[in-house]
N, C-alpha and C. Protein backbone atom coordinates (compact mmCIF):
# COMPACT_ATOMS: atom_id res chain seq x y z
N UNK A 1 0.84 -1.17 0.00
CA UNK A 1 0.00 0.00 0.00
C UNK A 1 0.89 1.24 0.00
N UNK A 2 0.54 2.19 -0.83
CA UNK A 2 1.34 3.38 -1.00
C UNK A 2 0.95 4.44 0.04
N UNK A 3 1.95 5.04 0.68
CA UNK A 3 1.72 6.12 1.64
C UNK A 3 1.41 7.41 0.90
N UNK A 4 0.34 8.10 1.32
CA UNK A 4 0.02 9.38 0.70
C UNK A 4 0.26 10.48 1.70
N UNK A 5 0.97 11.47 1.25
CA UNK A 5 1.30 12.61 2.11
C UNK A 5 0.35 13.76 1.78
N UNK A 6 -0.33 14.28 2.80
CA UNK A 6 -1.19 15.44 2.63
C UNK A 6 -0.47 16.63 3.25
N UNK A 7 -0.11 17.61 2.43
CA UNK A 7 0.61 18.77 2.96
C UNK A 7 -0.18 19.45 4.07
N UNK A 8 0.52 19.94 5.13
CA UNK A 8 -0.16 20.59 6.25
C UNK A 8 -1.06 21.76 5.83
N UNK A 9 -0.66 22.50 4.80
CA UNK A 9 -1.47 23.64 4.37
C UNK A 9 -2.83 23.16 3.86
N UNK A 10 -2.89 22.00 3.20
CA UNK A 10 -4.16 21.45 2.73
C UNK A 10 -5.06 21.10 3.90
N UNK A 11 -4.48 20.51 4.94
CA UNK A 11 -5.25 20.17 6.14
C UNK A 11 -5.82 21.43 6.77
N UNK A 12 -5.02 22.49 6.82
CA UNK A 12 -5.48 23.75 7.40
C UNK A 12 -6.70 24.27 6.66
N UNK A 13 -6.65 24.30 5.32
CA UNK A 13 -7.78 24.80 4.54
C UNK A 13 -9.01 23.92 4.70
N UNK A 14 -8.84 22.62 4.75
CA UNK A 14 -9.96 21.70 4.94
C UNK A 14 -10.62 21.93 6.29
N UNK A 15 -9.83 22.02 7.34
CA UNK A 15 -10.39 22.24 8.68
C UNK A 15 -11.06 23.61 8.75
N UNK A 16 -10.47 24.63 8.17
CA UNK A 16 -11.07 25.97 8.16
C UNK A 16 -12.40 25.96 7.44
N UNK A 17 -12.44 25.28 6.29
CA UNK A 17 -13.67 25.21 5.51
C UNK A 17 -14.76 24.49 6.30
N UNK A 18 -14.43 23.36 6.90
CA UNK A 18 -15.42 22.61 7.67
C UNK A 18 -15.91 23.41 8.87
N UNK A 19 -15.04 24.13 9.53
CA UNK A 19 -15.45 24.95 10.67
C UNK A 19 -16.40 26.05 10.22
N UNK A 20 -16.09 26.66 9.09
CA UNK A 20 -16.92 27.75 8.60
C UNK A 20 -18.29 27.26 8.17
N UNK A 21 -18.35 26.10 7.52
CA UNK A 21 -19.60 25.64 6.96
C UNK A 21 -20.47 24.88 7.95
N UNK A 22 -19.92 24.39 9.05
CA UNK A 22 -20.74 23.58 9.95
C UNK A 22 -21.21 24.33 11.19
N UNK A 23 -20.68 25.49 11.52
CA UNK A 23 -21.08 26.13 12.75
C UNK A 23 -21.67 27.51 12.62
N UNK A 24 -21.77 28.04 11.41
CA UNK A 24 -22.18 29.42 11.24
C UNK A 24 -23.67 29.63 11.49
N UNK A 25 -24.51 28.84 10.88
CA UNK A 25 -25.94 29.06 10.98
C UNK A 25 -26.60 28.05 11.90
N UNK A 26 -27.46 28.56 12.78
CA UNK A 26 -28.18 27.71 13.70
C UNK A 26 -29.55 27.34 13.18
N UNK A 27 -30.23 28.30 12.51
CA UNK A 27 -31.59 28.04 12.06
C UNK A 27 -32.03 29.08 11.04
N UNK A 28 -32.99 28.68 10.23
CA UNK A 28 -33.65 29.59 9.29
C UNK A 28 -35.09 29.73 9.73
N UNK A 29 -35.61 30.95 9.62
CA UNK A 29 -37.02 31.22 9.90
C UNK A 29 -37.59 31.90 8.66
N UNK A 30 -38.73 31.42 8.21
CA UNK A 30 -39.38 31.98 7.03
C UNK A 30 -40.62 32.74 7.44
N UNK A 31 -40.78 33.92 6.85
CA UNK A 31 -42.02 34.67 7.00
C UNK A 31 -42.84 34.37 5.76
N UNK A 32 -43.95 33.65 5.93
CA UNK A 32 -44.81 33.34 4.80
C UNK A 32 -46.24 33.55 5.24
N UNK A 33 -47.04 34.13 4.39
CA UNK A 33 -48.39 34.49 4.81
C UNK A 33 -48.29 35.53 5.90
N UNK A 34 -48.83 35.23 7.06
CA UNK A 34 -48.77 36.18 8.17
C UNK A 34 -48.20 35.51 9.42
N UNK A 35 -47.09 34.78 9.26
CA UNK A 35 -46.50 34.14 10.42
C UNK A 35 -45.04 33.78 10.24
N UNK A 36 -44.36 33.59 11.36
CA UNK A 36 -42.99 33.10 11.38
C UNK A 36 -43.04 31.58 11.41
N UNK A 37 -42.23 30.92 10.58
CA UNK A 37 -42.19 29.46 10.53
C UNK A 37 -40.74 28.99 10.53
N UNK A 38 -40.28 28.24 11.52
CA UNK A 38 -40.98 27.94 12.77
C UNK A 38 -41.01 29.17 13.67
N UNK A 39 -41.97 29.15 14.53
CA UNK A 39 -42.20 30.29 15.42
C UNK A 39 -41.19 30.35 16.56
N UNK A 40 -40.88 29.20 17.13
CA UNK A 40 -39.93 29.11 18.24
C UNK A 40 -38.82 28.15 17.86
N UNK A 41 -37.57 28.59 18.05
CA UNK A 41 -36.42 27.77 17.66
C UNK A 41 -35.42 27.69 18.80
N UNK A 42 -34.54 26.70 18.69
CA UNK A 42 -33.47 26.52 19.68
C UNK A 42 -32.15 26.37 18.94
N UNK A 43 -31.14 27.12 19.39
CA UNK A 43 -29.81 27.07 18.79
C UNK A 43 -28.76 27.04 19.89
N UNK A 44 -27.50 26.94 19.48
CA UNK A 44 -26.38 27.01 20.42
C UNK A 44 -25.80 28.41 20.41
N UNK A 45 -25.20 28.81 21.52
CA UNK A 45 -24.54 30.11 21.61
C UNK A 45 -23.49 30.21 20.50
N UNK A 46 -23.42 31.36 19.87
CA UNK A 46 -22.48 31.58 18.78
C UNK A 46 -23.06 31.30 17.41
N UNK A 47 -24.28 30.77 17.35
CA UNK A 47 -24.90 30.48 16.06
C UNK A 47 -25.75 31.66 15.59
N UNK A 48 -26.04 31.66 14.30
CA UNK A 48 -26.78 32.74 13.66
C UNK A 48 -28.14 32.24 13.20
N UNK A 49 -29.14 33.10 13.36
CA UNK A 49 -30.47 32.82 12.82
C UNK A 49 -30.67 33.72 11.61
N UNK A 50 -31.23 33.14 10.56
CA UNK A 50 -31.53 33.90 9.35
C UNK A 50 -33.04 33.91 9.14
N UNK A 51 -33.62 35.11 9.07
CA UNK A 51 -35.04 35.28 8.77
C UNK A 51 -35.17 35.69 7.31
N UNK A 52 -36.11 35.06 6.59
CA UNK A 52 -36.32 35.36 5.18
C UNK A 52 -37.79 35.68 4.93
N UNK A 53 -38.04 36.82 4.30
CA UNK A 53 -39.41 37.23 4.01
C UNK A 53 -39.85 36.67 2.66
N UNK A 54 -40.58 35.57 2.69
CA UNK A 54 -41.10 34.94 1.48
C UNK A 54 -42.58 35.25 1.31
N UNK A 55 -43.09 36.15 2.13
CA UNK A 55 -44.49 36.56 2.07
C UNK A 55 -44.68 37.63 0.99
N UNK A 56 -45.89 38.10 0.85
CA UNK A 56 -46.17 39.18 -0.10
C UNK A 56 -46.31 40.52 0.61
N UNK A 57 -46.17 40.52 1.94
CA UNK A 57 -46.26 41.74 2.75
C UNK A 57 -44.89 42.11 3.31
N UNK A 58 -44.73 43.37 3.70
CA UNK A 58 -43.50 43.77 4.38
C UNK A 58 -43.57 43.28 5.82
N UNK A 59 -42.40 42.98 6.39
CA UNK A 59 -42.31 42.52 7.77
C UNK A 59 -41.05 43.09 8.41
N UNK A 60 -40.93 42.92 9.73
CA UNK A 60 -39.69 43.22 10.45
C UNK A 60 -39.40 42.06 11.39
N UNK A 61 -38.19 42.03 11.90
CA UNK A 61 -37.80 41.12 12.98
C UNK A 61 -37.24 42.03 14.05
N UNK A 62 -38.00 42.19 15.13
CA UNK A 62 -37.67 43.16 16.17
C UNK A 62 -37.66 42.47 17.53
N UNK A 63 -36.58 42.61 18.27
CA UNK A 63 -36.50 41.96 19.58
C UNK A 63 -37.39 42.67 20.59
N UNK A 64 -38.02 41.87 21.45
CA UNK A 64 -38.92 42.39 22.48
C UNK A 64 -40.18 41.54 22.52
N UNK A 65 -41.16 42.01 23.27
CA UNK A 65 -42.43 41.29 23.35
C UNK A 65 -43.57 42.25 23.57
N UNK A 66 -44.79 41.77 23.30
CA UNK A 66 -46.00 42.57 23.45
C UNK A 66 -45.90 43.90 22.71
N UNK A 67 -45.34 43.86 21.51
CA UNK A 67 -45.19 45.03 20.63
C UNK A 67 -44.26 46.10 21.21
N UNK A 68 -43.44 45.75 22.18
CA UNK A 68 -42.49 46.69 22.77
C UNK A 68 -41.06 46.24 22.46
N UNK A 69 -40.29 47.12 21.80
CA UNK A 69 -38.91 46.80 21.45
C UNK A 69 -38.04 46.81 22.70
N UNK A 70 -37.06 45.90 22.75
CA UNK A 70 -36.10 45.93 23.86
C UNK A 70 -34.73 46.45 23.40
N UNK A 71 -34.59 46.74 22.11
CA UNK A 71 -33.38 47.37 21.61
C UNK A 71 -32.23 46.45 21.23
N UNK A 72 -32.38 45.15 21.39
CA UNK A 72 -31.28 44.24 21.06
C UNK A 72 -31.05 44.17 19.55
N UNK A 73 -32.10 43.92 18.78
CA UNK A 73 -31.97 43.90 17.32
C UNK A 73 -33.27 44.34 16.67
N UNK A 74 -33.13 44.88 15.46
CA UNK A 74 -34.28 45.34 14.69
C UNK A 74 -33.87 45.32 13.22
N UNK A 75 -34.57 44.55 12.44
CA UNK A 75 -34.20 44.38 11.03
C UNK A 75 -34.54 45.59 10.16
N UNK A 76 -35.37 46.49 10.62
CA UNK A 76 -36.00 47.50 9.77
C UNK A 76 -36.94 46.75 8.82
N UNK A 77 -37.43 47.40 7.80
CA UNK A 77 -38.40 46.78 6.90
C UNK A 77 -37.73 45.72 6.04
N UNK A 78 -38.32 44.53 6.03
CA UNK A 78 -37.89 43.45 5.13
C UNK A 78 -38.91 43.36 4.00
N UNK A 79 -38.44 43.58 2.80
CA UNK A 79 -39.32 43.54 1.63
C UNK A 79 -39.61 42.09 1.25
N UNK A 80 -40.75 41.86 0.57
CA UNK A 80 -41.01 40.51 0.06
C UNK A 80 -39.89 40.08 -0.89
N UNK A 81 -39.48 38.84 -0.79
CA UNK A 81 -38.37 38.32 -1.60
C UNK A 81 -38.60 38.52 -3.10
N UNK A 82 -39.85 38.37 -3.55
CA UNK A 82 -40.14 38.50 -4.98
C UNK A 82 -39.98 39.94 -5.46
N UNK A 83 -40.12 40.91 -4.56
CA UNK A 83 -39.97 42.31 -4.95
C UNK A 83 -38.52 42.77 -4.90
N UNK A 84 -37.85 42.50 -3.78
CA UNK A 84 -36.46 42.93 -3.58
C UNK A 84 -35.72 41.88 -2.79
N UNK A 85 -35.17 40.87 -3.47
CA UNK A 85 -34.48 39.78 -2.76
C UNK A 85 -33.36 40.26 -1.85
N UNK A 86 -32.64 41.31 -2.25
CA UNK A 86 -31.52 41.81 -1.46
C UNK A 86 -31.97 42.50 -0.17
N UNK A 87 -33.25 42.82 -0.05
CA UNK A 87 -33.76 43.47 1.16
C UNK A 87 -34.80 42.61 1.87
N UNK A 88 -34.70 41.29 1.69
CA UNK A 88 -35.70 40.39 2.25
C UNK A 88 -35.15 39.48 3.34
N UNK A 89 -33.86 39.65 3.71
CA UNK A 89 -33.22 38.74 4.67
C UNK A 89 -32.60 39.54 5.81
N UNK A 90 -32.70 38.97 7.01
CA UNK A 90 -32.07 39.54 8.20
C UNK A 90 -31.40 38.42 8.97
N UNK A 91 -30.17 38.65 9.43
CA UNK A 91 -29.44 37.66 10.22
C UNK A 91 -28.99 38.28 11.54
N UNK A 92 -28.99 37.45 12.58
CA UNK A 92 -28.50 37.89 13.89
C UNK A 92 -27.76 36.75 14.56
N UNK A 93 -26.55 37.04 15.05
CA UNK A 93 -25.74 36.04 15.76
C UNK A 93 -26.01 36.17 17.25
N UNK A 94 -26.40 35.06 17.88
CA UNK A 94 -26.71 35.03 19.30
C UNK A 94 -25.52 34.47 20.06
N UNK A 95 -24.88 35.30 20.86
CA UNK A 95 -23.66 34.93 21.58
C UNK A 95 -23.92 34.39 22.99
N UNK A 96 -24.99 34.86 23.63
CA UNK A 96 -25.22 34.56 25.04
C UNK A 96 -26.45 33.68 25.23
N UNK A 97 -26.34 32.61 26.04
CA UNK A 97 -27.52 31.77 26.31
C UNK A 97 -28.66 32.58 26.93
N UNK A 98 -29.87 32.16 26.61
CA UNK A 98 -31.07 32.82 27.12
C UNK A 98 -32.22 32.63 26.16
N UNK A 99 -33.35 33.25 26.49
CA UNK A 99 -34.53 33.21 25.63
C UNK A 99 -34.74 34.62 25.09
N UNK A 100 -34.79 34.74 23.78
CA UNK A 100 -34.93 36.03 23.10
C UNK A 100 -36.25 36.03 22.34
N UNK A 101 -37.14 36.92 22.73
CA UNK A 101 -38.43 37.02 22.05
C UNK A 101 -38.33 38.09 20.98
N UNK A 102 -39.12 37.92 19.93
CA UNK A 102 -39.14 38.87 18.83
C UNK A 102 -40.53 38.93 18.22
N UNK A 103 -40.76 39.96 17.39
CA UNK A 103 -42.05 40.16 16.75
C UNK A 103 -41.87 40.98 15.48
N UNK A 104 -42.92 41.05 14.69
CA UNK A 104 -42.96 41.91 13.51
C UNK A 104 -43.66 43.21 13.93
N UNK A 105 -42.98 44.35 13.75
CA UNK A 105 -43.55 45.64 14.18
C UNK A 105 -44.85 45.96 13.44
N UNK A 106 -44.95 45.57 12.19
CA UNK A 106 -46.15 45.93 11.42
C UNK A 106 -47.33 45.00 11.68
N UNK A 107 -47.10 43.85 12.31
CA UNK A 107 -48.17 42.89 12.57
C UNK A 107 -48.09 42.30 13.97
N UNK A 108 -47.59 43.05 14.93
CA UNK A 108 -47.31 42.48 16.25
C UNK A 108 -48.57 42.03 17.00
N UNK A 109 -49.72 42.56 16.62
CA UNK A 109 -50.95 42.12 17.29
C UNK A 109 -51.35 40.71 16.87
N UNK A 110 -50.78 40.20 15.78
CA UNK A 110 -51.04 38.86 15.30
C UNK A 110 -50.12 37.88 16.04
N UNK A 111 -50.69 36.95 16.77
CA UNK A 111 -49.91 35.98 17.55
C UNK A 111 -48.91 35.19 16.69
N UNK A 112 -49.24 34.97 15.42
CA UNK A 112 -48.35 34.22 14.53
C UNK A 112 -47.10 35.03 14.16
N UNK A 113 -47.14 36.34 14.39
CA UNK A 113 -46.00 37.21 14.05
C UNK A 113 -45.16 37.52 15.29
N UNK A 114 -45.14 36.57 16.20
CA UNK A 114 -44.28 36.64 17.39
C UNK A 114 -43.56 35.31 17.51
N UNK A 115 -42.31 35.36 17.97
CA UNK A 115 -41.56 34.12 18.10
C UNK A 115 -40.49 34.24 19.17
N UNK A 116 -39.69 33.18 19.30
CA UNK A 116 -38.61 33.20 20.27
C UNK A 116 -37.44 32.35 19.79
N UNK A 117 -36.26 32.74 20.25
CA UNK A 117 -35.04 32.00 20.00
C UNK A 117 -34.50 31.61 21.37
N UNK A 118 -34.36 30.32 21.62
CA UNK A 118 -33.75 29.84 22.85
C UNK A 118 -32.32 29.47 22.52
N UNK A 119 -31.37 30.11 23.23
CA UNK A 119 -29.96 29.88 22.99
C UNK A 119 -29.41 29.07 24.15
N UNK A 120 -28.86 27.91 23.85
CA UNK A 120 -28.29 27.01 24.89
C UNK A 120 -26.81 27.23 25.05
């Protein structure tokens, strides 16, 4: 059997690539119709959540509860993906364990437009 030598630099790039691709995103949340799907998610500290507006209405992703912002994050207006794909996505990296509630500012009275991220 022939010995194969893998240069150390190749190993470095492989490990870097795997680290980048396996730990960056914790979950995706889709806004479709008038709700967040899934509404409640669980991720690990250091992971990122990506919200995508696939609905036909404008939405936001705003931290807080009962229509009151807590100031941690606010996506501003997210346009429907079919209208402006570049303005339809919001991402937030959660560094600290806890429960983070969020809502859509334009539809916060709708229970389906409220959700939570539990960070372990």
